[in-house]
N, C-alpha and C. Protein backbone atom coordinates (compact mmCIF):
# COMPACT_ATOMS: atom_id res chain seq x y z
N MET A 1 -1.50 6.85 -13.06
CA MET A 1 -1.62 5.59 -13.89
C MET A 1 -0.62 5.56 -15.26
N THR A 2 0.44 4.73 -15.44
CA THR A 2 1.40 4.62 -16.88
C THR A 2 0.95 4.54 -17.88
N GLY A 3 -0.63 3.53 -17.98
CA GLY A 3 -0.80 3.48 -19.26
C GLY A 3 -1.34 2.10 -19.38
N ILE A 4 0.09 1.16 -18.86
CA ILE A 4 -0.19 -0.13 -18.86
C ILE A 4 -1.21 -1.18 -17.89
N ILE A 5 -1.87 -0.40 -16.80
CA ILE A 5 -2.20 -0.61 -15.74
C ILE A 5 -3.87 -0.08 -15.88
N THR A 6 -4.79 -1.07 -15.85
CA THR A 6 -6.33 -0.50 -16.09
C THR A 6 -6.63 -1.31 -14.90
N PHE A 7 -7.43 0.04 -14.29
CA PHE A 7 -8.28 -0.53 -13.25
C PHE A 7 -9.96 -0.39 -13.44
N THR A 8 -11.06 -1.24 -12.67
CA THR A 8 -12.25 -1.61 -13.06
C THR A 8 -12.78 -1.50 -11.81
N ASN A 9 -14.30 -1.28 -11.33
CA ASN A 9 -15.02 -1.52 -10.89
C ASN A 9 -16.03 -2.34 -11.04
N PRO A 10 -16.21 -3.56 -11.31
CA PRO A 10 -17.65 -3.84 -12.24
C PRO A 10 -19.05 -3.80 -11.26
N PRO A 11 -20.00 -3.31 -12.13
CA PRO A 11 -21.07 -3.11 -11.50
C PRO A 11 -21.75 -3.93 -10.80
N ALA A 12 -21.69 -5.69 -11.73
CA ALA A 12 -21.50 -6.61 -10.57
C ALA A 12 -21.21 -6.85 -8.79
N LEU A 13 -20.00 -5.71 -8.65
CA LEU A 13 -19.59 -6.29 -7.16
C LEU A 13 -20.08 -5.35 -6.53
N ALA A 14 -19.65 -5.21 -5.20
CA ALA A 14 -20.07 -4.01 -3.92
C ALA A 14 -19.40 -2.63 -4.34
N PRO A 15 -19.97 -1.82 -4.25
CA PRO A 15 -19.12 -0.57 -4.40
C PRO A 15 -17.66 -0.55 -3.45
N SER A 16 -16.93 -0.36 -3.83
CA SER A 16 -15.21 -0.28 -3.20
C SER A 16 -14.74 0.88 -2.95
N PRO A 17 -14.67 1.06 -1.54
CA PRO A 17 -14.23 2.87 -1.09
C PRO A 17 -12.57 2.79 -1.01
N GLY A 18 -12.56 3.43 -1.42
CA GLY A 18 -11.11 3.53 -1.81
C GLY A 18 -9.88 2.55 -1.76
N TYR A 19 -10.13 1.72 -2.95
CA TYR A 19 -9.65 0.78 -3.80
C TYR A 19 -10.81 0.45 -5.17
N SER A 20 -9.83 0.04 -5.98
CA SER A 20 -10.25 -0.54 -7.14
C SER A 20 -10.34 -2.38 -6.71
N GLN A 21 -11.75 -2.45 -7.80
CA GLN A 21 -11.42 -4.61 -7.57
C GLN A 21 -10.91 -5.20 -8.59
N VAL A 22 -10.39 -4.46 -9.23
CA VAL A 22 -9.84 -5.09 -10.38
C VAL A 22 -8.20 -4.25 -10.82
N ALA A 23 -7.42 -4.62 -11.25
CA ALA A 23 -6.49 -4.28 -12.10
C ALA A 23 -6.00 -5.40 -12.90
N GLU A 24 -5.71 -4.70 -14.35
CA GLU A 24 -4.81 -5.14 -14.96
C GLU A 24 -3.80 -4.91 -15.88
N ILE A 25 -2.75 -5.15 -16.29
CA ILE A 25 -1.32 -5.23 -16.36
C ILE A 25 -1.07 -5.25 -17.62
N ARG A 26 -0.97 -4.86 -18.69
CA ARG A 26 -0.40 -5.21 -20.05
C ARG A 26 0.34 -4.47 -20.32
N GLY A 27 1.71 -5.78 -20.62
CA GLY A 27 2.97 -5.27 -21.42
C GLY A 27 3.68 -4.69 -19.93
N GLY A 28 4.88 -4.02 -20.10
CA GLY A 28 5.63 -3.30 -19.35
C GLY A 28 6.65 -4.08 -18.56
N ARG A 29 7.08 -3.74 -17.19
CA ARG A 29 8.14 -4.86 -16.38
C ARG A 29 7.24 -4.53 -15.21
N LEU A 30 7.15 -5.47 -14.49
CA LEU A 30 6.31 -5.75 -13.45
C LEU A 30 7.46 -5.25 -11.93
N ILE A 31 6.92 -5.02 -10.80
CA ILE A 31 7.63 -4.61 -9.46
C ILE A 31 6.91 -4.96 -8.38
N LEU A 32 7.92 -6.19 -7.82
CA LEU A 32 7.35 -6.43 -6.74
C LEU A 32 8.16 -5.59 -5.24
N VAL A 33 7.46 -5.11 -4.57
CA VAL A 33 8.10 -4.23 -3.56
C VAL A 33 7.57 -5.85 -2.31
N ALA A 34 8.68 -5.72 -1.61
CA ALA A 34 8.63 -6.40 -0.09
C ALA A 34 7.51 -5.91 0.99
N GLY A 35 6.94 -6.34 1.72
CA GLY A 35 6.50 -5.79 3.23
C GLY A 35 7.39 -4.49 3.37
N GLN A 36 7.04 -3.59 3.45
CA GLN A 36 7.41 -2.58 4.25
C GLN A 36 6.74 -1.66 5.55
N VAL A 37 7.66 -1.77 6.55
CA VAL A 37 7.02 -1.18 7.78
C VAL A 37 7.52 0.01 8.28
N ALA A 38 6.70 0.33 9.68
CA ALA A 38 7.24 1.36 10.22
C ALA A 38 8.67 1.74 10.86
N LEU A 39 9.58 1.44 9.89
CA LEU A 39 11.04 1.31 10.31
C LEU A 39 11.89 2.54 9.61
N ASP A 40 12.31 3.28 10.86
CA ASP A 40 13.12 4.32 9.84
C ASP A 40 14.55 3.71 9.09
N ARG A 41 15.52 4.52 8.52
CA ARG A 41 16.05 4.19 7.96
C ARG A 41 17.52 3.48 8.62
N GLU A 42 17.40 3.70 9.90
CA GLU A 42 18.41 3.23 11.21
C GLU A 42 17.81 2.25 11.69
N GLY A 43 16.39 1.99 11.51
CA GLY A 43 15.91 0.10 11.60
C GLY A 43 14.99 0.70 13.19
N ALA A 44 14.88 2.04 13.50
CA ALA A 44 13.82 2.29 14.61
C ALA A 44 12.31 2.21 14.13
N ILE A 45 11.60 1.48 14.87
CA ILE A 45 10.08 1.57 15.14
C ILE A 45 9.61 2.94 15.05
N VAL A 46 9.00 3.72 14.09
CA VAL A 46 8.06 4.89 14.37
C VAL A 46 7.02 4.73 14.66
N GLY A 47 6.22 5.54 15.65
CA GLY A 47 4.69 5.69 15.96
C GLY A 47 4.45 4.39 16.88
N ILE A 48 5.36 4.02 17.82
CA ILE A 48 4.80 2.90 18.85
C ILE A 48 3.50 2.78 19.45
N GLY A 49 2.65 2.02 18.93
CA GLY A 49 1.30 2.00 19.51
C GLY A 49 0.10 2.85 18.70
N ASP A 50 0.43 4.03 17.50
CA ASP A 50 0.00 4.80 16.87
C ASP A 50 0.39 4.19 15.28
N LEU A 51 -1.18 3.48 14.86
CA LEU A 51 -1.24 3.00 13.54
C LEU A 51 -0.97 4.01 12.28
N GLY A 52 -1.47 5.59 12.82
CA GLY A 52 -1.55 6.44 11.79
C GLY A 52 -0.36 6.92 11.76
N ALA A 53 0.37 6.95 12.68
CA ALA A 53 1.97 7.29 12.35
C ALA A 53 2.44 6.43 11.67
N GLN A 54 2.67 5.33 12.16
CA GLN A 54 3.31 3.81 11.48
C GLN A 54 2.84 4.13 9.83
N ALA A 55 1.47 4.30 9.58
CA ALA A 55 0.79 4.31 8.13
C ALA A 55 2.09 5.43 7.29
N GLU A 56 2.13 6.00 8.07
CA GLU A 56 2.81 7.46 7.39
C GLU A 56 3.80 6.53 7.32
N GLN A 57 4.60 6.04 7.92
CA GLN A 57 6.60 5.72 7.67
C GLN A 57 6.12 4.41 6.99
N VAL A 58 5.28 3.52 7.05
CA VAL A 58 5.02 2.36 5.81
C VAL A 58 5.22 3.03 4.26
N PHE A 59 4.25 4.16 4.33
CA PHE A 59 3.73 5.13 3.12
C PHE A 59 5.00 5.55 2.75
N ASP A 60 5.92 6.25 3.24
CA ASP A 60 7.09 6.96 3.02
C ASP A 60 8.48 6.06 2.76
N ASN A 61 8.20 4.74 3.34
CA ASN A 61 9.07 3.40 2.87
C ASN A 61 8.91 3.20 1.46
N LEU A 62 7.32 2.56 1.49
CA LEU A 62 7.13 2.54 0.60
C LEU A 62 7.27 3.29 -1.40
N ARG A 63 6.91 4.49 -1.48
CA ARG A 63 7.35 5.71 -2.20
C ARG A 63 8.90 5.67 -2.21
N ALA A 64 9.71 5.48 -1.26
CA ALA A 64 11.22 5.36 -1.53
C ALA A 64 11.83 3.96 -2.32
N ALA A 65 10.82 2.94 -2.25
CA ALA A 65 11.11 1.46 -2.39
C ALA A 65 10.93 1.63 -4.07
N LEU A 66 9.74 2.37 -4.93
CA LEU A 66 9.31 2.44 -5.71
C LEU A 66 10.35 3.50 -6.76
N ALA A 67 10.55 4.50 -5.79
CA ALA A 67 11.77 5.19 -6.72
C ALA A 67 12.78 5.12 -7.07
N ALA A 68 13.57 4.11 -6.13
CA ALA A 68 14.27 3.56 -6.18
C ALA A 68 14.55 2.58 -7.65
N VAL A 69 13.51 1.84 -7.96
CA VAL A 69 13.29 1.25 -9.65
C VAL A 69 12.66 2.23 -10.61
N GLY A 70 12.56 3.82 -10.05
CA GLY A 70 11.93 4.84 -11.24
C GLY A 70 10.39 5.03 -11.51
N ALA A 71 9.83 3.50 -10.44
CA ALA A 71 8.14 4.19 -10.37
C ALA A 71 7.68 4.98 -8.98
N THR A 72 6.35 5.56 -9.25
CA THR A 72 5.59 6.15 -8.24
C THR A 72 4.09 5.55 -7.95
N PRO A 73 3.78 6.02 -7.42
CA PRO A 73 2.34 5.27 -6.41
C PRO A 73 1.56 5.13 -7.74
N ALA A 74 1.35 6.27 -8.81
CA ALA A 74 0.53 6.07 -10.26
C ALA A 74 0.75 4.64 -10.19
N ASP A 75 1.72 3.82 -10.18
CA ASP A 75 2.43 2.72 -11.04
C ASP A 75 1.98 1.44 -10.06
N VAL A 76 1.48 1.68 -8.93
CA VAL A 76 0.85 0.59 -8.59
C VAL A 76 -0.55 -0.26 -8.31
N ALA A 77 -0.50 -1.28 -8.76
CA ALA A 77 -1.52 -1.93 -9.13
C ALA A 77 -2.04 -2.83 -8.17
N LYS A 78 -1.43 -3.05 -7.14
CA LYS A 78 -2.07 -4.08 -5.59
C LYS A 78 -1.04 -3.98 -4.23
N LEU A 79 -1.65 -3.26 -3.57
CA LEU A 79 -1.39 -3.44 -2.34
C LEU A 79 -2.02 -4.98 -1.58
N THR A 80 -1.08 -5.41 -0.48
CA THR A 80 -1.50 -6.44 0.40
C THR A 80 -1.12 -5.38 1.96
N VAL A 81 -2.74 -4.96 2.88
CA VAL A 81 -2.21 -4.83 3.74
C VAL A 81 -2.47 -5.43 5.03
N PHE A 82 -1.08 -5.90 5.87
CA PHE A 82 -1.35 -6.70 7.29
C PHE A 82 -1.73 -5.87 8.34
N THR A 83 -2.29 -6.17 9.01
CA THR A 83 -2.61 -5.02 10.38
C THR A 83 -2.70 -5.93 11.71
N CYS A 84 -2.04 -5.22 12.60
CA CYS A 84 -2.28 -6.11 13.67
C CYS A 84 -3.20 -5.38 14.76
N ASP A 85 -3.83 -5.03 14.56
CA ASP A 85 -5.62 -4.07 14.99
C ASP A 85 -6.20 -3.28 13.78
N MET A 86 -7.58 -4.26 13.60
CA MET A 86 -7.84 -3.94 12.62
C MET A 86 -9.10 -3.07 13.15
N PRO A 87 -9.48 -2.84 14.44
CA PRO A 87 -10.47 -1.69 14.96
C PRO A 87 -10.15 -0.75 14.70
N ALA A 88 -8.54 -0.13 14.51
CA ALA A 88 -7.97 0.79 14.25
C ALA A 88 -7.58 1.56 13.05
N ILE A 89 -7.74 0.64 11.70
CA ILE A 89 -7.91 0.43 10.42
C ILE A 89 -8.25 1.78 10.22
N ALA A 90 -9.20 2.15 10.15
CA ALA A 90 -9.31 3.68 10.16
C ALA A 90 -8.32 4.85 9.73
N ALA A 91 -7.45 4.99 10.84
CA ALA A 91 -6.46 5.72 11.36
C ALA A 91 -5.18 5.24 10.17
N TYR A 92 -5.24 4.41 9.25
CA TYR A 92 -4.10 4.13 7.89
C TYR A 92 -4.99 4.50 6.82
N ARG A 93 -6.14 5.07 6.81
CA ARG A 93 -6.72 5.72 5.19
C ARG A 93 -6.17 7.26 5.25
N PRO A 94 -5.59 7.77 5.53
CA PRO A 94 -5.42 9.16 5.70
C PRO A 94 -4.00 9.21 4.84
N ALA A 95 -3.45 8.43 5.06
CA ALA A 95 -1.95 8.17 4.83
C ALA A 95 -2.38 7.31 3.25
N ARG A 96 -2.74 6.20 3.26
CA ARG A 96 -3.15 5.89 1.87
C ARG A 96 -3.75 6.80 0.82
N ASP A 97 -4.95 7.62 1.40
CA ASP A 97 -5.37 8.82 0.84
C ASP A 97 -4.54 9.66 0.13
N ARG A 98 -3.79 10.06 0.88
CA ARG A 98 -2.56 10.88 0.47
C ARG A 98 -1.52 10.27 -0.75
N PHE A 99 -0.85 9.09 -0.21
CA PHE A 99 0.12 8.77 -1.20
C PHE A 99 -0.79 8.51 -2.33
N PHE A 100 -2.11 7.51 -2.45
CA PHE A 100 -2.55 7.66 -4.01
C PHE A 100 -3.07 8.82 -4.80
N ALA A 101 -3.04 10.01 -3.28
CA ALA A 101 -3.77 11.26 -3.94
C ALA A 101 -3.48 11.84 -5.84
N GLY A 102 -4.44 11.75 -6.58
CA GLY A 102 -4.07 12.14 -8.17
C GLY A 102 -3.96 10.82 -8.82
N SER A 103 -3.75 9.56 -8.42
CA SER A 103 -4.04 8.81 -9.10
C SER A 103 -5.36 7.86 -8.67
N THR A 104 -5.73 6.46 -9.55
CA THR A 104 -6.81 5.83 -9.12
C THR A 104 -6.25 5.01 -8.13
N PRO A 105 -7.38 4.60 -7.53
CA PRO A 105 -6.42 3.59 -6.26
C PRO A 105 -6.66 2.41 -6.83
N PRO A 106 -5.33 1.13 -6.44
CA PRO A 106 -5.20 0.14 -6.70
C PRO A 106 -6.16 -0.90 -6.20
N VAL A 107 -6.56 -2.05 -6.24
CA VAL A 107 -6.56 -2.96 -6.28
C VAL A 107 -5.82 -3.13 -4.49
N ILE A 108 -6.51 -3.82 -3.68
CA ILE A 108 -5.92 -3.37 -1.86
C ILE A 108 -6.94 -5.03 -1.57
N THR A 109 -5.78 -5.61 -0.35
CA THR A 109 -6.45 -6.91 0.14
C THR A 109 -5.93 -6.14 1.44
N LEU A 110 -6.80 -6.28 2.27
CA LEU A 110 -6.39 -5.96 3.84
C LEU A 110 -6.91 -6.89 4.81
N VAL A 111 -5.84 -7.84 5.45
CA VAL A 111 -6.00 -8.80 6.15
C VAL A 111 -5.31 -8.09 7.92
N GLU A 112 -6.49 -9.40 9.00
CA GLU A 112 -5.60 -8.97 10.13
C GLU A 112 -4.89 -9.96 10.26
N VAL A 113 -3.35 -9.46 10.91
CA VAL A 113 -2.45 -10.85 11.59
C VAL A 113 -2.53 -11.18 13.18
N SER A 114 -2.41 -11.93 13.52
CA SER A 114 -1.49 -11.85 15.23
C SER A 114 -0.53 -10.93 15.70
N ARG A 115 0.40 -10.83 14.62
CA ARG A 115 1.57 -10.25 14.70
C ARG A 115 2.25 -10.02 13.58
N LEU A 116 3.58 -9.17 13.39
CA LEU A 116 4.30 -8.91 12.60
C LEU A 116 5.95 -9.46 13.30
N PHE A 117 6.75 -9.12 12.39
CA PHE A 117 8.09 -9.74 12.48
C PHE A 117 9.02 -8.96 13.96
N ARG A 118 8.25 -8.12 14.00
CA ARG A 118 8.78 -7.00 15.73
C ARG A 118 7.77 -6.37 16.34
N ASP A 119 8.18 -7.04 17.50
CA ASP A 119 6.87 -6.38 18.20
C ASP A 119 7.08 -4.69 18.39
N GLY A 120 5.51 -4.38 18.57
CA GLY A 120 5.67 -2.93 18.29
C GLY A 120 5.28 -2.69 17.19
N LEU A 121 5.44 -3.14 15.80
CA LEU A 121 4.89 -2.85 14.89
C LEU A 121 3.37 -3.25 14.63
N LEU A 122 2.64 -2.43 13.63
CA LEU A 122 1.09 -2.53 13.85
C LEU A 122 0.74 -3.08 12.30
N LEU A 123 1.73 -2.69 11.38
CA LEU A 123 1.25 -2.79 9.74
C LEU A 123 2.35 -2.95 9.07
N GLU A 124 2.08 -3.91 7.78
CA GLU A 124 2.85 -3.91 6.88
C GLU A 124 1.74 -3.53 5.61
N ILE A 125 3.15 -3.34 4.67
CA ILE A 125 2.38 -3.31 3.38
C ILE A 125 3.27 -3.84 2.17
N GLU A 126 2.81 -4.90 1.66
CA GLU A 126 3.62 -4.85 0.07
C GLU A 126 2.98 -4.62 -1.11
N ALA A 127 3.55 -4.25 -2.14
CA ALA A 127 3.19 -3.65 -3.17
C ALA A 127 3.53 -4.54 -4.62
N VAL A 128 2.46 -4.12 -5.55
CA VAL A 128 2.74 -4.91 -7.24
C VAL A 128 2.40 -3.62 -7.85
N ALA A 129 3.96 -3.16 -8.80
CA ALA A 129 3.24 -1.87 -9.15
C ALA A 129 4.00 -2.33 -10.88
N ALA A 130 3.97 -1.82 -12.09
CA ALA A 130 4.28 -1.82 -13.39
C ALA A 130 4.63 -0.98 -14.10
N ARG A 131 5.69 -0.79 -15.06
CA ARG A 131 6.06 0.92 -15.38
C ARG A 131 6.52 -0.16 -17.05
N PRO A 132 6.25 1.04 -18.17
CA PRO A 132 6.42 0.46 -19.21
C PRO A 132 7.63 -0.01 -19.64
């Protein structure tokens, strides 16, 4: 955590496994990362039919996008996760947990969609981060 993001889980809300309920950003610069999918640097889909493999690539891409502006996973305040395969969503969680290892998990919204922009993609994640 950068010190400008405070995460809270109010006692009036249900417990949240693996994510925070509220993120407050005070000062600093706001970083918006477009939805990242399981494409390698040549544009080929990684892990066709495998949500876990796609999650690994998505989080690798997200890490690279953050690094390009001097940010890390600890700077992430919010994720929006879109999946085409909600029954398999447990396969995404290990990659998410590794990505945020050692930091407080951010606010996360998880939504099932009928499809993404390219056939074969099962997951897309966009992020909001903040740095001093």
